[in-house]
PDB file of N, CA and C in Angstrom:
ATOM      1  N   MET A   1      -4.223  -8.535 -52.515  1.00  0.00           N
ATOM      2  CA  MET A   1      -4.303  -7.902 -51.215  1.00  0.00           C
ATOM      3  C   MET A   1      -3.531  -8.758 -50.214  1.00  0.00           C
ATOM      4  N   ALA A   2      -2.785  -8.117 -49.359  1.00  0.00           N
ATOM      5  CA  ALA A   2      -1.963  -8.829 -48.384  1.00  0.00           C
ATOM      6  C   ALA A   2      -2.839  -9.419 -47.284  1.00  0.00           C
ATOM      7  N   HIS A   3      -2.422 -10.575 -46.797  1.00  0.00           N
ATOM      8  CA  HIS A   3      -3.148 -11.234 -45.706  1.00  0.00           C
ATOM      9  C   HIS A   3      -2.882 -10.476 -44.410  1.00  0.00           C
ATOM     10  N   ARG A   4      -3.958 -10.161 -43.681  1.00  0.00           N
ATOM     11  CA  ARG A   4      -3.822  -9.477 -42.401  1.00  0.00           C
ATOM     12  C   ARG A   4      -4.210 -10.437 -41.289  1.00  0.00           C
ATOM     13  N   PRO A   5      -3.384 -10.545 -40.259  1.00  0.00           N
ATOM     14  CA  PRO A   5      -3.712 -11.455 -39.157  1.00  0.00           C
ATOM     15  C   PRO A   5      -4.945 -10.966 -38.395  1.00  0.00           C
ATOM     16  N   ASP A   6      -5.697 -11.920 -37.857  1.00  0.00           N
ATOM     17  CA  ASP A   6      -6.898 -11.591 -37.090  1.00  0.00           C
ATOM     18  C   ASP A   6      -6.560 -11.058 -35.704  1.00  0.00           C
ATOM     19  N   ARG A   7      -5.400 -11.401 -35.220  1.00  0.00           N
ATOM     20  CA  ARG A   7      -5.020 -11.010 -33.868  1.00  0.00           C
ATOM     21  C   ARG A   7      -3.690 -10.277 -33.885  1.00  0.00           C
ATOM     22  N   ILE A   8      -3.518  -9.417 -32.933  1.00  0.00           N
ATOM     23  CA  ILE A   8      -2.257  -8.712 -32.769  1.00  0.00           C
ATOM     24  C   ILE A   8      -1.473  -9.436 -31.682  1.00  0.00           C
ATOM     25  N   ARG A   9      -0.246  -9.733 -31.966  1.00  0.00           N
ATOM     26  CA  ARG A   9       0.603 -10.431 -30.989  1.00  0.00           C
ATOM     27  C   ARG A   9       1.367  -9.391 -30.178  1.00  0.00           C
ATOM     28  N   ILE A  10       1.268  -9.498 -28.877  1.00  0.00           N
ATOM     29  CA  ILE A  10       1.982  -8.616 -27.967  1.00  0.00           C
ATOM     30  C   ILE A  10       2.925  -9.478 -27.137  1.00  0.00           C
ATOM     31  N   GLU A  11       4.189  -9.136 -27.192  1.00  0.00           N
ATOM     32  CA  GLU A  11       5.179  -9.879 -26.414  1.00  0.00           C
ATOM     33  C   GLU A  11       5.437  -9.154 -25.106  1.00  0.00           C
ATOM     34  N   VAL A  12       5.504  -9.903 -24.033  1.00  0.00           N
ATOM     35  CA  VAL A  12       5.742  -9.336 -22.718  1.00  0.00           C
ATOM     36  C   VAL A  12       7.144  -9.726 -22.284  1.00  0.00           C
ATOM     37  N   PHE A  13       7.911  -8.732 -21.893  1.00  0.00           N
ATOM     38  CA  PHE A  13       9.274  -8.984 -21.447  1.00  0.00           C
ATOM     39  C   PHE A  13       9.342  -8.789 -19.948  1.00  0.00           C
ATOM     40  N   GLY A  14      10.120  -9.601 -19.298  1.00  0.00           N
ATOM     41  CA  GLY A  14      10.291  -9.497 -17.856  1.00  0.00           C
ATOM     42  C   GLY A  14      11.159  -8.313 -17.500  1.00  0.00           C
ATOM     43  N   PRO A  15      11.318  -8.066 -16.213  1.00  0.00           N
ATOM     44  CA  PRO A  15      12.152  -6.947 -15.779  1.00  0.00           C
ATOM     45  C   PRO A  15      13.611  -7.163 -16.188  1.00  0.00           C
ATOM     46  N   ASN A  16      14.337  -6.071 -16.324  1.00  0.00           N
ATOM     47  CA  ASN A  16      15.751  -6.168 -16.667  1.00  0.00           C
ATOM     48  C   ASN A  16      16.508  -6.891 -15.575  1.00  0.00           C
ATOM     49  N   GLU A  17      17.481  -7.671 -15.974  1.00  0.00           N
ATOM     50  CA  GLU A  17      18.281  -8.390 -14.987  1.00  0.00           C
ATOM     51  C   GLU A  17      19.162  -7.428 -14.206  1.00  0.00           C
ATOM     52  N   VAL A  18      19.442  -6.256 -14.759  1.00  0.00           N
ATOM     53  CA  VAL A  18      20.288  -5.271 -14.108  1.00  0.00           C
ATOM     54  C   VAL A  18      19.555  -4.600 -12.952  1.00  0.00           C
ATOM     55  N   ALA A  19      18.249  -4.477 -13.069  1.00  0.00           N
ATOM     56  CA  ALA A  19      17.468  -3.797 -12.033  1.00  0.00           C
ATOM     57  C   ALA A  19      17.542  -4.592 -10.734  1.00  0.00           C
ATOM     58  N   GLU A  20      17.817  -3.871  -9.668  1.00  0.00           N
ATOM     59  CA  GLU A  20      17.965  -4.540  -8.384  1.00  0.00           C
ATOM     60  C   GLU A  20      16.628  -4.744  -7.677  1.00  0.00           C
ATOM     61  N   THR A  21      15.698  -3.847  -7.906  1.00  0.00           N
ATOM     62  CA  THR A  21      14.400  -3.970  -7.251  1.00  0.00           C
ATOM     63  C   THR A  21      13.297  -3.931  -8.293  1.00  0.00           C
ATOM     64  N   THR A  22      12.129  -4.351  -7.886  1.00  0.00           N
ATOM     65  CA  THR A  22      10.980  -4.331  -8.793  1.00  0.00           C
ATOM     66  C   THR A  22      10.643  -2.903  -9.195  1.00  0.00           C
ATOM     67  N   GLU A  23      10.775  -1.976  -8.253  1.00  0.00           N
ATOM     68  CA  GLU A  23      10.466  -0.577  -8.551  1.00  0.00           C
ATOM     69  C   GLU A  23      11.372  -0.044  -9.661  1.00  0.00           C
ATOM     70  N   GLU A  24      12.651  -0.361  -9.607  1.00  0.00           N
ATOM     71  CA  GLU A  24      13.577   0.075 -10.647  1.00  0.00           C
ATOM     72  C   GLU A  24      13.278  -0.603 -11.976  1.00  0.00           C
ATOM     73  N   ALA A  25      12.797  -1.833 -11.927  1.00  0.00           N
ATOM     74  CA  ALA A  25      12.521  -2.575 -13.150  1.00  0.00           C
ATOM     75  C   ALA A  25      11.353  -1.967 -13.923  1.00  0.00           C
ATOM     76  N   PHE A  26      10.367  -1.448 -13.227  1.00  0.00           N
ATOM     77  CA  PHE A  26       9.174  -0.928 -13.887  1.00  0.00           C
ATOM     78  C   PHE A  26       9.187   0.591 -14.056  1.00  0.00           C
ATOM     79  N   ARG A  27      10.257   1.257 -13.637  1.00  0.00           N
ATOM     80  CA  ARG A  27      10.310   2.706 -13.735  1.00  0.00           C
ATOM     81  C   ARG A  27      10.145   3.210 -15.168  1.00  0.00           C
ATOM     82  N   PRO A  28      10.807   2.632 -16.180  1.00  0.00           N
ATOM     83  CA  PRO A  28      10.592   3.144 -17.552  1.00  0.00           C
ATOM     84  C   PRO A  28       9.131   3.048 -17.990  1.00  0.00           C
ATOM     85  N   SER A  29       8.455   1.958 -17.664  1.00  0.00           N
ATOM     86  CA  SER A  29       7.057   1.844 -18.063  1.00  0.00           C
ATOM     87  C   SER A  29       6.196   2.807 -17.263  1.00  0.00           C
ATOM     88  N   ASP A  30       6.521   3.033 -16.001  1.00  0.00           N
ATOM     89  CA  ASP A  30       5.773   4.004 -15.195  1.00  0.00           C
ATOM     90  C   ASP A  30       5.926   5.401 -15.778  1.00  0.00           C
ATOM     91  N   ASP A  31       7.139   5.744 -16.206  1.00  0.00           N
ATOM     92  CA  ASP A  31       7.366   7.055 -16.812  1.00  0.00           C
ATOM     93  C   ASP A  31       6.555   7.195 -18.096  1.00  0.00           C
ATOM     94  N   ALA A  32       6.519   6.143 -18.890  1.00  0.00           N
ATOM     95  CA  ALA A  32       5.757   6.180 -20.137  1.00  0.00           C
ATOM     96  C   ALA A  32       4.262   6.320 -19.854  1.00  0.00           C
ATOM     97  N   ILE A  33       3.780   5.605 -18.855  1.00  0.00           N
ATOM     98  CA  ILE A  33       2.366   5.674 -18.489  1.00  0.00           C
ATOM     99  C   ILE A  33       2.021   7.073 -17.982  1.00  0.00           C
ATOM    100  N   CYS A  34       2.891   7.652 -17.170  1.00  0.00           N
ATOM    101  CA  CYS A  34       2.643   9.002 -16.656  1.00  0.00           C
ATOM    102  C   CYS A  34       2.646  10.023 -17.790  1.00  0.00           C
ATOM    103  N   SER A  35       3.562   9.873 -18.737  1.00  0.00           N
ATOM    104  CA  SER A  35       3.598  10.789 -19.881  1.00  0.00           C
ATOM    105  C   SER A  35       2.328  10.674 -20.705  1.00  0.00           C
ATOM    106  N   LEU A  36       1.889   9.443 -20.936  1.00  0.00           N
ATOM    107  CA  LEU A  36       0.669   9.232 -21.702  1.00  0.00           C
ATOM    108  C   LEU A  36      -0.546   9.796 -20.963  1.00  0.00           C
ATOM    109  N   ALA A  37      -0.613   9.570 -19.669  1.00  0.00           N
ATOM    110  CA  ALA A  37      -1.723  10.100 -18.873  1.00  0.00           C
ATOM    111  C   ALA A  37      -1.725  11.624 -18.903  1.00  0.00           C
ATOM    112  N   ARG A  38      -0.541  12.238 -18.849  1.00  0.00           N
ATOM    113  CA  ARG A  38      -0.446  13.690 -18.904  1.00  0.00           C
ATOM    114  C   ARG A  38      -0.958  14.212 -20.250  1.00  0.00           C
ATOM    115  N   LEU A  39      -0.560  13.548 -21.332  1.00  0.00           N
ATOM    116  CA  LEU A  39      -1.033  13.952 -22.660  1.00  0.00           C
ATOM    117  C   LEU A  39      -2.547  13.819 -22.786  1.00  0.00           C
ATOM    118  N   ILE A  40      -3.087  12.730 -22.281  1.00  0.00           N
ATOM    119  CA  ILE A  40      -4.529  12.518 -22.336  1.00  0.00           C
ATOM    120  C   ILE A  40      -5.253  13.569 -21.500  1.00  0.00           C
ATOM    121  N   GLY A  41      -4.719  13.860 -20.322  1.00  0.00           N
ATOM    122  CA  GLY A  41      -5.328  14.876 -19.463  1.00  0.00           C
ATOM    123  C   GLY A  41      -5.330  16.248 -20.110  1.00  0.00           C
ATOM    124  N   ARG A  42      -4.221  16.595 -20.765  1.00  0.00           N
ATOM    125  CA  ARG A  42      -4.159  17.883 -21.451  1.00  0.00           C
ATOM    126  C   ARG A  42      -5.174  17.953 -22.586  1.00  0.00           C
ATOM    127  N   GLN A  43      -5.296  16.851 -23.326  1.00  0.00           N
ATOM    128  CA  GLN A  43      -6.261  16.818 -24.429  1.00  0.00           C
ATOM    129  C   GLN A  43      -7.686  16.971 -23.904  1.00  0.00           C
ATOM    130  N   MET A  44      -8.000  16.283 -22.808  1.00  0.00           N
ATOM    131  CA  MET A  44      -9.336  16.391 -22.225  1.00  0.00           C
ATOM    132  C   MET A  44      -9.609  17.817 -21.752  1.00  0.00           C
ATOM    133  N   ALA A  45      -8.616  18.438 -21.111  1.00  0.00           N
ATOM    134  CA  ALA A  45      -8.787  19.816 -20.638  1.00  0.00           C
ATOM    135  C   ALA A  45      -8.984  20.759 -21.819  1.00  0.00           C
ATOM    136  N   ARG A  46      -8.223  20.546 -22.893  1.00  0.00           N
ATOM    137  CA  ARG A  46      -8.353  21.386 -24.091  1.00  0.00           C
ATOM    138  C   ARG A  46      -9.753  21.259 -24.680  1.00  0.00           C
ATOM    139  N   GLU A  47     -10.256  20.027 -24.752  1.00  0.00           N
ATOM    140  CA  GLU A  47     -11.594  19.802 -25.316  1.00  0.00           C
ATOM    141  C   GLU A  47     -12.671  20.428 -24.432  1.00  0.00           C
ATOM    142  N   GLN A  48     -12.527  20.310 -23.113  1.00  0.00           N
ATOM    143  CA  GLN A  48     -13.500  20.926 -22.213  1.00  0.00           C
ATOM    144  C   GLN A  48     -13.477  22.447 -22.346  1.00  0.00           C
ATOM    145  N   PHE A  49     -12.291  23.022 -22.466  1.00  0.00           N
ATOM    146  CA  PHE A  49     -12.166  24.468 -22.621  1.00  0.00           C
ATOM    147  C   PHE A  49     -12.822  24.919 -23.922  1.00  0.00           C
ATOM    148  N   GLU A  50     -12.547  24.208 -25.020  1.00  0.00           N
ATOM    149  CA  GLU A  50     -13.143  24.560 -26.303  1.00  0.00           C
ATOM    150  C   GLU A  50     -14.665  24.436 -26.262  1.00  0.00           C
ATOM    151  N   HIS A  51     -15.168  23.421 -25.587  1.00  0.00           N
ATOM    152  CA  HIS A  51     -16.612  23.230 -25.455  1.00  0.00           C
ATOM    153  C   HIS A  51     -17.232  24.388 -24.670  1.00  0.00           C
ATOM    154  N   ALA A  52     -16.587  24.784 -23.573  1.00  0.00           N
ATOM    155  CA  ALA A  52     -17.094  25.885 -22.760  1.00  0.00           C
ATOM    156  C   ALA A  52     -17.094  27.183 -23.566  1.00  0.00           C
ATOM    157  N   ARG A  53     -16.021  27.416 -24.335  1.00  0.00           N
ATOM    158  CA  ARG A  53     -15.955  28.629 -25.160  1.00  0.00           C
ATOM    159  C   ARG A  53     -17.046  28.617 -26.222  1.00  0.00           C
ATOM    160  N   ALA A  54     -17.309  27.456 -26.814  1.00  0.00           N
ATOM    161  CA  ALA A  54     -18.360  27.360 -27.827  1.00  0.00           C
ATOM    162  C   ALA A  54     -19.727  27.672 -27.218  1.00  0.00           C
ATOM    163  N   LEU A  55     -19.969  27.187 -26.011  1.00  0.00           N
ATOM    164  CA  LEU A  55     -21.236  27.496 -25.336  1.00  0.00           C
ATOM    165  C   LEU A  55     -21.360  28.986 -25.040  1.00  0.00           C
ATOM    166  N   GLU A  56     -20.236  29.611 -24.622  1.00  0.00           N
ATOM    167  CA  GLU A  56     -20.253  31.048 -24.353  1.00  0.00           C
ATOM    168  C   GLU A  56     -20.557  31.827 -25.634  1.00  0.00           C
ATOM    169  N   ARG A  57     -19.932  31.441 -26.739  1.00  0.00           N
ATOM    170  CA  ARG A  57     -20.181  32.127 -28.010  1.00  0.00           C
ATOM    171  C   ARG A  57     -21.633  31.944 -28.444  1.00  0.00           C
ATOM    172  N   LYS A  58     -22.163  30.736 -28.259  1.00  0.00           N
ATOM    173  CA  LYS A  58     -23.561  30.469 -28.632  1.00  0.00           C
ATOM    174  C   LYS A  58     -24.498  31.333 -27.791  1.00  0.00           C
ATOM    175  N   GLN A  59     -24.226  31.409 -26.497  1.00  0.00           N
ATOM    176  CA  GLN A  59     -25.063  32.224 -25.605  1.00  0.00           C
ATOM    177  C   GLN A  59     -24.978  33.698 -25.995  1.00  0.00           C
ATOM    178  N   ALA A  60     -23.776  34.173 -26.328  1.00  0.00           N
ATOM    179  CA  ALA A  60     -23.615  35.577 -26.724  1.00  0.00           C
ATOM    180  C   ALA A  60     -24.375  35.859 -28.024  1.00  0.00           C
ATOM    181  N   ARG A  61     -24.346  34.950 -28.978  1.00  0.00           N
ATOM    182  CA  ARG A  61     -25.097  35.125 -30.225  1.00  0.00           C
ATOM    183  C   ARG A  61     -26.592  35.185 -29.946  1.00  0.00           C
ATOM    184  N   GLN A  62     -27.082  34.304 -29.073  1.00  0.00           N
ATOM    185  CA  GLN A  62     -28.499  34.289 -28.754  1.00  0.00           C
ATOM    186  C   GLN A  62     -28.904  35.589 -28.044  1.00  0.00           C
ATOM    187  N   ASN A  63     -28.033  36.098 -27.186  1.00  0.00           N
ATOM    188  CA  ASN A  63     -28.348  37.346 -26.463  1.00  0.00           C
ATOM    189  C   ASN A  63     -28.396  38.534 -27.429  1.00  0.00           C
ATOM    190  N   ARG A  64     -27.508  38.557 -28.421  1.00  0.00           N
ATOM    191  CA  ARG A  64     -27.486  39.659 -29.389  1.00  0.00           C
ATOM    192  C   ARG A  64     -28.675  39.580 -30.343  1.00  0.00           C
ATOM    193  N   SER A  65     -29.069  38.378 -30.711  1.00  0.00           N
ATOM    194  CA  SER A  65     -30.142  38.230 -31.691  1.00  0.00           C
ATOM    195  C   SER A  65     -31.494  37.967 -31.025  1.00  0.00           C
ATOM    196  N   GLY A  66     -31.607  38.320 -29.759  1.00  0.00           N
ATOM    197  CA  GLY A  66     -32.854  38.121 -29.034  1.00  0.00           C
ATOM    198  C   GLY A  66     -33.964  38.982 -29.625  1.00  0.00           C
ATOM    199  N   PRO A  67     -35.188  38.803 -29.180  1.00  0.00           N
ATOM    200  CA  PRO A  67     -36.335  39.558 -29.709  1.00  0.00           C
ATOM    201  C   PRO A  67     -36.194  41.044 -29.406  1.00  0.00           C
ATOM    202  N   LEU A  68     -36.538  41.855 -30.387  1.00  0.00           N
ATOM    203  CA  LEU A  68     -36.500  43.302 -30.218  1.00  0.00           C
ATOM    204  C   LEU A  68     -37.760  43.772 -29.485  1.00  0.00           C
ATOM    205  N   GLN A  69     -37.602  44.724 -28.595  1.00  0.00           N
ATOM    206  CA  GLN A  69     -38.744  45.207 -27.834  1.00  0.00           C
ATOM    207  C   GLN A  69     -39.116  46.613 -28.209  1.00  0.00           C
TER     208      GLN A  69
END
């Protein structure tokens, strides 16, 4: 079995030397963060929608199979 390290090494790189301002230096990471946040938000909305639909279906089943009078 291959040896697996206990820790993950993350290297941090400084801003590009070409970037003139700090805002320009971090723009690619900001875009990536916004894309990731958008994906997470969509997933959360999808899960909430599916949960709401499941509750509606459960309620409809209970209403149909309610006690006969």
